[in-house]
Amino acid sequence: MTEQTFIDLGFDKQNIPEEEGMHGSYEYYYRLEIGEIVLITNTQVEAEEEGWWASIFEYYDLKIKGSGDLEDLVRILSLNME
């Protein structure tokens, strides 16, 4: 999965101030709200080590690593959220 996947799906880039970052450097991640469900990604620092993934906010054990899976999830949520 690449950053472009998140951009294409409408995720917004979220910058983390250096003093708040976990790795002591500039960090960012991506975020998408669909109704009351929030999808977030790991940070670019983490992605350098383990690749990009997304999860549902507060359900970090669920790591969506395939772009096709993420596209399907976003489509299903978008079509069925009231």
C-alpha atoms as a PDB file:
ATOM      1  CA  MET A   1       0.000   0.000   0.000  1.00  0.00           C
ATOM      2  CA  THR A   2       1.224   3.520  -0.714  1.00  0.00           C
ATOM      3  CA  GLU A   3       0.389   7.012   0.511  1.00  0.00           C
ATOM      4  CA  GLN A   4      -1.308   7.603  -2.825  1.00  0.00           C
ATOM      5  CA  THR A   5      -3.889   4.965  -1.890  1.00  0.00           C
ATOM      6  CA  PHE A   6      -4.931   7.054   1.111  1.00  0.00           C
ATOM      7  CA  ILE A   7      -5.002  10.265  -0.917  1.00  0.00           C
ATOM      8  CA  ASP A   8      -7.114   8.638  -3.643  1.00  0.00           C
ATOM      9  CA  LEU A   9      -9.599   7.377  -1.038  1.00  0.00           C
ATOM     10  CA  GLY A  10     -10.021  10.836   0.493  1.00  0.00           C
ATOM     11  CA  PHE A  11      -7.895  10.484   3.616  1.00  0.00           C
ATOM     12  CA  ASP A  12      -6.614  13.748   5.101  1.00  0.00           C
ATOM     13  CA  LYS A  13      -2.976  14.126   6.084  1.00  0.00           C
ATOM     14  CA  GLN A  14      -2.517  14.871   9.795  1.00  0.00           C
ATOM     15  CA  ASN A  15       0.753  16.440  10.898  1.00  0.00           C
ATOM     16  CA  ILE A  16       2.093  15.631  14.356  1.00  0.00           C
ATOM     17  CA  PRO A  17       4.183  18.393  15.947  1.00  0.00           C
ATOM     18  CA  GLU A  18       7.761  17.273  16.496  1.00  0.00           C
ATOM     19  CA  GLU A  19       7.483  17.612  20.264  1.00  0.00           C
ATOM     20  CA  GLU A  20       4.418  15.320  20.288  1.00  0.00           C
ATOM     21  CA  GLY A  21       5.811  12.664  17.950  1.00  0.00           C
ATOM     22  CA  MET A  22       6.775   9.293  19.342  1.00  0.00           C
ATOM     23  CA  HIS A  23      10.076   9.168  17.455  1.00  0.00           C
ATOM     24  CA  GLY A  24      11.398  12.657  18.187  1.00  0.00           C
ATOM     25  CA  SER A  25      11.049  13.813  14.600  1.00  0.00           C
ATOM     26  CA  TYR A  26       8.458  15.221  12.203  1.00  0.00           C
ATOM     27  CA  GLU A  27       5.675  12.693  11.735  1.00  0.00           C
ATOM     28  CA  TYR A  28       2.346  12.448   9.954  1.00  0.00           C
ATOM     29  CA  TYR A  29      -0.432   9.968   9.353  1.00  0.00           C
ATOM     30  CA  TYR A  30      -3.690   9.861   7.383  1.00  0.00           C
ATOM     31  CA  ARG A  31      -7.267   9.973   8.692  1.00  0.00           C
ATOM     32  CA  LEU A  32     -10.698   9.426   7.136  1.00  0.00           C
ATOM     33  CA  GLU A  33     -14.092   9.855   8.796  1.00  0.00           C
ATOM     34  CA  ILE A  34     -17.039   7.907   7.409  1.00  0.00           C
ATOM     35  CA  GLY A  35     -20.053   8.673   9.568  1.00  0.00           C
ATOM     36  CA  GLU A  36     -18.957   7.904  13.113  1.00  0.00           C
ATOM     37  CA  ILE A  37     -16.221   5.521  12.019  1.00  0.00           C
ATOM     38  CA  VAL A  38     -12.690   6.880  11.826  1.00  0.00           C
ATOM     39  CA  LEU A  39      -9.977   5.141   9.824  1.00  0.00           C
ATOM     40  CA  ILE A  40      -6.377   6.028  10.613  1.00  0.00           C
ATOM     41  CA  THR A  41      -3.006   4.929   9.330  1.00  0.00           C
ATOM     42  CA  ASN A  42       0.304   4.341  10.980  1.00  0.00           C
ATOM     43  CA  THR A  43       2.817   7.194  10.768  1.00  0.00           C
ATOM     44  CA  GLN A  44       5.296   7.572   7.937  1.00  0.00           C
ATOM     45  CA  VAL A  45       8.083   6.727  10.388  1.00  0.00           C
ATOM     46  CA  GLU A  46       6.410   3.418  11.240  1.00  0.00           C
ATOM     47  CA  ALA A  47       5.649   2.816   7.554  1.00  0.00           C
ATOM     48  CA  GLU A  48       9.360   3.030   6.736  1.00  0.00           C
ATOM     49  CA  GLU A  49       9.905   0.017   8.997  1.00  0.00           C
ATOM     50  CA  GLU A  50       6.780  -2.090   8.429  1.00  0.00           C
ATOM     51  CA  GLY A  51       4.932  -0.647   5.431  1.00  0.00           C
ATOM     52  CA  TRP A  52       1.716   1.348   5.388  1.00  0.00           C
ATOM     53  CA  TRP A  53      -1.463   0.024   6.993  1.00  0.00           C
ATOM     54  CA  ALA A  54      -4.791   1.408   8.158  1.00  0.00           C
ATOM     55  CA  SER A  55      -7.050   0.540  11.058  1.00  0.00           C
ATOM     56  CA  ILE A  56     -10.340   1.551  12.588  1.00  0.00           C
ATOM     57  CA  PHE A  57      -9.644   4.072  15.361  1.00  0.00           C
ATOM     58  CA  GLU A  58      -9.280   2.322  18.726  1.00  0.00           C
ATOM     59  CA  TYR A  59      -9.073  -1.122  17.048  1.00  0.00           C
ATOM     60  CA  TYR A  60      -5.345  -1.208  16.417  1.00  0.00           C
ATOM     61  CA  ASP A  61      -5.174  -5.016  16.357  1.00  0.00           C
ATOM     62  CA  LEU A  62      -6.960  -4.801  12.995  1.00  0.00           C
ATOM     63  CA  LYS A  63      -4.341  -3.786  10.437  1.00  0.00           C
ATOM     64  CA  ILE A  64      -5.539  -3.447   6.846  1.00  0.00           C
ATOM     65  CA  LYS A  65      -2.414  -3.838   4.740  1.00  0.00           C
ATOM     66  CA  GLY A  66      -3.823  -4.434   1.255  1.00  0.00           C
ATOM     67  CA  SER A  67      -4.970  -1.486  -0.835  1.00  0.00           C
ATOM     68  CA  GLY A  68      -7.791  -3.556  -2.358  1.00  0.00           C
ATOM     69  CA  ASP A  69      -9.065  -4.492   1.101  1.00  0.00           C
ATOM     70  CA  LEU A  70      -8.988  -0.862   2.205  1.00  0.00           C
ATOM     71  CA  GLU A  71     -10.751   0.287  -0.965  1.00  0.00           C
ATOM     72  CA  ASP A  72     -13.464  -2.333  -0.375  1.00  0.00           C
ATOM     73  CA  LEU A  73     -13.908  -1.311   3.264  1.00  0.00           C
ATOM     74  CA  VAL A  74     -14.176   2.402   2.417  1.00  0.00           C
ATOM     75  CA  ARG A  75     -16.681   1.630  -0.363  1.00  0.00           C
ATOM     76  CA  ILE A  76     -18.814  -0.611   1.863  1.00  0.00           C
ATOM     77  CA  LEU A  77     -18.839   1.891   4.738  1.00  0.00           C
ATOM     78  CA  SER A  78     -19.562   4.820   2.424  1.00  0.00           C
ATOM     79  CA  LEU A  79     -22.466   3.071   0.712  1.00  0.00           C
ATOM     80  CA  ASN A  80     -24.065   1.806   3.893  1.00  0.00           C
ATOM     81  CA  MET A  81     -23.563   4.578   6.432  1.00  0.00           C
ATOM     82  CA  GLU A  82     -26.725   6.497   7.245  1.00  0.00           C
END
